[in-house]
Structure formats: structure tokens, C-alpha cells
C-alpha atoms as a PDB file:
ATOM      1  CA  MET A   1     -14.604   1.582 -29.239  1.00  0.00           C
ATOM      2  CA  GLN A   2     -10.882   1.507 -29.797  1.00  0.00           C
ATOM      3  CA  VAL A   3      -8.745  -1.047 -27.925  1.00  0.00           C
ATOM      4  CA  GLN A   4      -5.143  -0.082 -27.261  1.00  0.00           C
ATOM      5  CA  PHE A   5      -2.284  -1.906 -25.552  1.00  0.00           C
ATOM      6  CA  ARG A   6       0.582  -0.051 -23.901  1.00  0.00           C
ATOM      7  CA  GLU A   7       3.449  -1.280 -21.716  1.00  0.00           C
ATOM      8  CA  PHE A   8       2.183  -4.404 -20.015  1.00  0.00           C
ATOM      9  CA  ASP A   9       3.258  -5.985 -16.742  1.00  0.00           C
ATOM     10  CA  PRO A  10       0.662  -8.581 -15.675  1.00  0.00           C
ATOM     11  CA  PHE A  11       1.594  -8.119 -12.011  1.00  0.00           C
ATOM     12  CA  ASN A  12       1.140  -4.330 -12.127  1.00  0.00           C
ATOM     13  CA  VAL A  13      -1.281  -3.203 -14.811  1.00  0.00           C
ATOM     14  CA  TRP A  14      -3.675  -0.285 -15.033  1.00  0.00           C
ATOM     15  CA  ILE A  15      -6.691  -0.662 -17.277  1.00  0.00           C
ATOM     16  CA  TRP A  16      -8.331   2.526 -18.522  1.00  0.00           C
ATOM     17  CA  VAL A  17     -11.791   3.147 -19.968  1.00  0.00           C
ATOM     18  CA  GLU A  18     -12.692   6.399 -21.701  1.00  0.00           C
ATOM     19  CA  PHE A  19     -16.365   7.290 -21.855  1.00  0.00           C
ATOM     20  CA  SER A  20     -17.746   9.610 -24.551  1.00  0.00           C
ATOM     21  CA  ASN A  21     -18.943  11.942 -21.758  1.00  0.00           C
ATOM     22  CA  ASN A  22     -18.629  12.095 -18.004  1.00  0.00           C
ATOM     23  CA  PRO A  23     -20.301   8.849 -16.890  1.00  0.00           C
ATOM     24  CA  SER A  24     -23.510   8.843 -14.861  1.00  0.00           C
ATOM     25  CA  GLU A  25     -23.736   6.853 -11.623  1.00  0.00           C
ATOM     26  CA  MET A  26     -25.528   4.055 -13.512  1.00  0.00           C
ATOM     27  CA  GLU A  27     -22.776   3.929 -16.158  1.00  0.00           C
ATOM     28  CA  LYS A  28     -20.122   3.809 -13.435  1.00  0.00           C
ATOM     29  CA  GLN A  29     -21.964   0.923 -11.805  1.00  0.00           C
ATOM     30  CA  TYR A  30     -22.134  -1.020 -15.088  1.00  0.00           C
ATOM     31  CA  ILE A  31     -18.407  -0.732 -15.732  1.00  0.00           C
ATOM     32  CA  GLU A  32     -17.446  -1.454 -12.112  1.00  0.00           C
ATOM     33  CA  GLU A  33     -19.600  -4.570 -12.001  1.00  0.00           C
ATOM     34  CA  ALA A  34     -18.182  -5.821 -15.293  1.00  0.00           C
ATOM     35  CA  PHE A  35     -14.598  -5.447 -14.043  1.00  0.00           C
ATOM     36  CA  SER A  36     -15.417  -6.900 -10.604  1.00  0.00           C
ATOM     37  CA  SER A  37     -17.123  -9.928 -12.158  1.00  0.00           C
ATOM     38  CA  TRP A  38     -14.155 -10.463 -14.480  1.00  0.00           C
ATOM     39  CA  PHE A  39     -11.737 -10.230 -11.548  1.00  0.00           C
ATOM     40  CA  TYR A  40     -13.688 -12.675  -9.376  1.00  0.00           C
ATOM     41  CA  LEU A  41     -13.733 -15.215 -12.197  1.00  0.00           C
ATOM     42  CA  GLY A  42      -9.969 -14.718 -12.532  1.00  0.00           C
ATOM     43  CA  LYS A  43      -9.450 -15.089  -8.804  1.00  0.00           C
ATOM     44  CA  LEU A  44     -11.228 -18.451  -9.054  1.00  0.00           C
ATOM     45  CA  GLY A  45      -8.936 -19.620 -11.867  1.00  0.00           C
ATOM     46  CA  ALA A  46     -11.378 -19.250 -14.777  1.00  0.00           C
ATOM     47  CA  PHE A  47      -8.761 -17.978 -17.227  1.00  0.00           C
ATOM     48  CA  ASN A  48      -6.630 -21.102 -17.515  1.00  0.00           C
ATOM     49  CA  ALA A  49      -5.702 -21.629 -21.178  1.00  0.00           C
ATOM     50  CA  GLU A  50      -4.086 -24.961 -20.292  1.00  0.00           C
ATOM     51  CA  ASN A  51      -7.531 -26.380 -19.498  1.00  0.00           C
ATOM     52  CA  LEU A  52      -9.866 -25.329 -22.315  1.00  0.00           C
ATOM     53  CA  GLN A  53     -11.249 -28.799 -22.975  1.00  0.00           C
ATOM     54  CA  VAL A  54     -14.677 -27.744 -24.242  1.00  0.00           C
ATOM     55  CA  GLN A  55     -13.200 -25.083 -26.528  1.00  0.00           C
ATOM     56  CA  ASP A  56     -10.680 -27.581 -27.886  1.00  0.00           C
ATOM     57  CA  VAL A  57     -13.402 -30.102 -28.781  1.00  0.00           C
ATOM     58  CA  GLY A  58     -15.235 -27.632 -30.998  1.00  0.00           C
ATOM     59  CA  LEU A  59     -18.933 -27.360 -31.743  1.00  0.00           C
ATOM     60  CA  GLU A  60     -19.973 -30.944 -31.166  1.00  0.00           C
ATOM     61  CA  ILE A  61     -19.791 -31.394 -27.402  1.00  0.00           C
ATOM     62  CA  SER A  62     -22.672 -33.830 -26.926  1.00  0.00           C
ATOM     63  CA  HIS A  63     -21.484 -36.710 -24.744  1.00  0.00           C
ATOM     64  CA  MET A  64     -18.016 -35.175 -24.466  1.00  0.00           C
ATOM     65  CA  ASP A  65     -15.661 -36.891 -21.992  1.00  0.00           C
ATOM     66  CA  TYR A  66     -14.244 -34.309 -19.605  1.00  0.00           C
ATOM     67  CA  ASP A  67     -10.726 -35.239 -18.511  1.00  0.00           C
ATOM     68  CA  GLU A  68     -10.547 -34.653 -14.745  1.00  0.00           C
ATOM     69  CA  ASP A  69      -6.841 -35.586 -14.676  1.00  0.00           C
ATOM     70  CA  LEU A  70      -6.019 -32.945 -17.273  1.00  0.00           C
ATOM     71  CA  ALA A  71      -8.002 -30.380 -15.279  1.00  0.00           C
ATOM     72  CA  ASP A  72      -6.356 -31.382 -11.999  1.00  0.00           C
ATOM     73  CA  ASN A  73      -2.843 -31.334 -13.451  1.00  0.00           C
ATOM     74  CA  SER A  74      -3.039 -28.033 -15.318  1.00  0.00           C
ATOM     75  CA  MET A  75      -1.002 -25.158 -13.938  1.00  0.00           C
ATOM     76  CA  VAL A  76      -2.939 -22.857 -11.606  1.00  0.00           C
ATOM     77  CA  ALA A  77      -3.953 -19.596 -13.300  1.00  0.00           C
ATOM     78  CA  LEU A  78      -5.174 -17.180 -10.645  1.00  0.00           C
ATOM     79  CA  MET A  79      -5.567 -13.408 -10.562  1.00  0.00           C
ATOM     80  CA  HIS A  80      -4.215 -11.925  -7.344  1.00  0.00           C
ATOM     81  CA  ASN A  81      -5.453  -8.381  -6.648  1.00  0.00           C
ATOM     82  CA  MET A  82      -7.749  -5.623  -7.873  1.00  0.00           C
ATOM     83  CA  GLY A  83      -7.660  -2.005  -6.761  1.00  0.00           C
ATOM     84  CA  GLU A  84     -10.663   0.282  -6.310  1.00  0.00           C
ATOM     85  CA  PHE A  85     -12.211   1.504  -9.543  1.00  0.00           C
ATOM     86  CA  GLU A  86     -11.643   5.258  -9.893  1.00  0.00           C
ATOM     87  CA  PHE A  87     -13.263   7.918 -12.055  1.00  0.00           C
ATOM     88  CA  GLU A  88     -12.076  11.329 -13.158  1.00  0.00           C
ATOM     89  CA  SER A  89     -13.876  13.358 -15.810  1.00  0.00           C
ATOM     90  CA  SER A  90     -14.621  11.013 -18.748  1.00  0.00           C
ATOM     91  CA  TRP A  91     -12.085   8.391 -17.587  1.00  0.00           C
ATOM     92  CA  GLY A  92     -12.334   5.311 -15.408  1.00  0.00           C
ATOM     93  CA  ARG A  93      -9.393   3.194 -14.333  1.00  0.00           C
ATOM     94  CA  CYS A  94      -8.508   0.242 -12.160  1.00  0.00           C
ATOM     95  CA  TRP A  95      -5.246  -1.427 -11.115  1.00  0.00           C
ATOM     96  CA  PHE A  96      -4.771  -5.204 -11.293  1.00  0.00           C
ATOM     97  CA  ASP A  97      -2.273  -7.893 -10.407  1.00  0.00           C
ATOM     98  CA  LEU A  98      -3.315 -10.499 -12.977  1.00  0.00           C
ATOM     99  CA  GLY A  99      -1.092 -13.101 -11.331  1.00  0.00           C
ATOM    100  CA  THR A 100      -0.720 -16.277 -13.349  1.00  0.00           C
ATOM    101  CA  SER A 101      -3.994 -15.930 -15.271  1.00  0.00           C
ATOM    102  CA  ASP A 102      -3.549 -16.480 -18.995  1.00  0.00           C
ATOM    103  CA  ALA A 103      -3.964 -13.945 -21.797  1.00  0.00           C
ATOM    104  CA  ILE A 104      -7.417 -15.358 -22.536  1.00  0.00           C
ATOM    105  CA  ALA A 105      -8.523 -13.235 -19.553  1.00  0.00           C
ATOM    106  CA  LEU A 106      -7.818 -10.084 -21.549  1.00  0.00           C
ATOM    107  CA  ASP A 107      -9.783 -11.405 -24.535  1.00  0.00           C
ATOM    108  CA  VAL A 108     -12.741 -12.078 -22.255  1.00  0.00           C
ATOM    109  CA  LEU A 109     -12.479  -8.572 -20.750  1.00  0.00           C
ATOM    110  CA  ILE A 110     -12.230  -6.898 -24.166  1.00  0.00           C
ATOM    111  CA  ASN A 111     -15.238  -8.846 -25.469  1.00  0.00           C
ATOM    112  CA  THR A 112     -17.204  -7.904 -22.333  1.00  0.00           C
ATOM    113  CA  ILE A 113     -16.397  -4.193 -22.491  1.00  0.00           C
ATOM    114  CA  ARG A 114     -17.039  -4.042 -26.249  1.00  0.00           C
ATOM    115  CA  GLU A 115     -20.499  -5.574 -25.775  1.00  0.00           C
ATOM    116  CA  LEU A 116     -21.220  -3.314 -22.819  1.00  0.00           C
ATOM    117  CA  GLY A 117     -20.280  -0.383 -25.052  1.00  0.00           C
ATOM    118  CA  ARG A 118     -22.632  -1.570 -27.783  1.00  0.00           C
ATOM    119  CA  ASP A 119     -25.632  -2.116 -25.527  1.00  0.00           C
ATOM    120  CA  PHE A 120     -25.415   0.182 -22.490  1.00  0.00           C
ATOM    121  CA  LEU A 121     -22.556   2.682 -22.554  1.00  0.00           C
ATOM    122  CA  SER A 122     -20.956   5.132 -24.915  1.00  0.00           C
ATOM    123  CA  LEU A 123     -17.242   4.274 -24.770  1.00  0.00           C
ATOM    124  CA  GLU A 124     -14.382   5.753 -26.750  1.00  0.00           C
ATOM    125  CA  GLN A 125     -11.520   3.442 -25.826  1.00  0.00           C
ATOM    126  CA  LEU A 126     -10.159   0.724 -23.597  1.00  0.00           C
ATOM    127  CA  ILE A 127      -6.459   1.020 -22.780  1.00  0.00           C
ATOM    128  CA  ILE A 128      -4.601  -1.904 -21.249  1.00  0.00           C
ATOM    129  CA  GLY A 129      -1.365  -1.041 -19.502  1.00  0.00           C
ATOM    130  CA  GLY A 130       0.891   1.976 -19.499  1.00  0.00           C
ATOM    131  CA  GLU A 131       0.131   5.475 -18.368  1.00  0.00           C
ATOM    132  CA  ASN A 132      -2.561   7.965 -19.253  1.00  0.00           C
ATOM    133  CA  GLU A 133      -1.231  11.450 -19.953  1.00  0.00           C
ATOM    134  CA  ASP A 134      -4.513  12.945 -18.731  1.00  0.00           C
ATOM    135  CA  TRP A 135      -4.396  11.131 -15.374  1.00  0.00           C
ATOM    136  CA  ARG A 136      -1.080   9.936 -13.989  1.00  0.00           C
ATOM    137  CA  VAL A 137      -0.648   6.688 -12.050  1.00  0.00           C
ATOM    138  CA  PRO A 138       0.002   7.170  -8.316  1.00  0.00           C
ATOM    139  CA  GLY A 139       3.594   6.520  -7.352  1.00  0.00           C
ATOM    140  CA  SER A 140       4.731   6.644 -10.974  1.00  0.00           C
ATOM    141  CA  ASN A 141       8.455   6.970 -11.293  1.00  0.00           C
ATOM    142  CA  GLN A 142       8.041   8.763 -14.627  1.00  0.00           C
ATOM    143  CA  PRO A 143       8.293  12.563 -14.481  1.00  0.00           C
ATOM    144  CA  ASP A 144       5.182  14.346 -15.746  1.00  0.00           C
ATOM    145  CA  PHE A 145       7.059  16.031 -18.606  1.00  0.00           C
ATOM    146  CA  ILE A 146       8.227  12.825 -20.355  1.00  0.00           C
ATOM    147  CA  GLY A 147       5.945  11.758 -23.226  1.00  0.00           C
ATOM    148  CA  ASP A 148       5.094   8.115 -23.946  1.00  0.00           C
ATOM    149  CA  ASN A 149       7.209   8.124 -27.129  1.00  0.00           C
ATOM    150  CA  GLU A 150      10.259   9.303 -25.170  1.00  0.00           C
ATOM    151  CA  ARG A 151      10.261   6.385 -22.712  1.00  0.00           C
ATOM    152  CA  ASN A 152      12.458   3.332 -23.243  1.00  0.00           C
END
């Protein structure tokens, strides 16, 4: 599965998934649940790169001291909104306001979708941000005849 980044605004981002074929109802459910789970974790502040204490310690975490003050004083990193997941032909898409969540959220999503593609789904690509020429974003202020390479 190819991962591609386009224009990115964390407060207004579409994330696209292309299936190898038109997805079945079960495949739609898998992808929707993966995105919903990711969003709910983000809404609860899970993607806060300022408080990665276990990751920062490394492999040896036995008897690690967790710093409550550091956790309490880290900047809040919350996702704000998620739209309804939509499907058209071999595409799925969903709109997000990622709020103040950190970029680690996108790494977690990419890892999740890649593994889902290995084990359960046949996926061609994951596109983060921008427009999809095959399926325009509602309310887009870009005319349909302008190509991605012609935009500023």
C-alpha cells in the first residue's frame, strides 16, 4: 500500500483510502472501525508527543518511575471532530479536525491501516490531505478543471 501526503491542514483534513476493488460491507466495517477507534483515542488525548515517557525510557521499563507532574503539565493534544466515513466505488474517505493532536497520531494511523491492509483488506493507497480528482471534496473552492499541479 502506498502512503501519500498532499496539502495538509490539521484542522480541515480529508483522509482517503483506495481499495483494490469495490469494498464489501465487511471491508467497509473494518476500515470504519479502525478510523473511529483512532479518532476516539485522539479525542481522549492519546497522541500527545510531549508526554511519551515510556517510549523515551526505551526497552527496559521494569520499575520505571512515571512522572505525574510531567504528564499533568504537558500541553493538551486533543482531536476535535470526525465526519461520517463515506464510500464511492473503490474509494473511502473521512474528514477530520485533528485539533492539537501531535503528528504521532498520523504515524499510528498509517501503521494501523498498513497492518489492516496486510491482514484483512486489499488496499492500494492511503492519501492524507488534499483533494482526490476522482471524488471532489464538498464545498471545495477549487474549480473541477484545475489539476493538483496547477494549484499554488
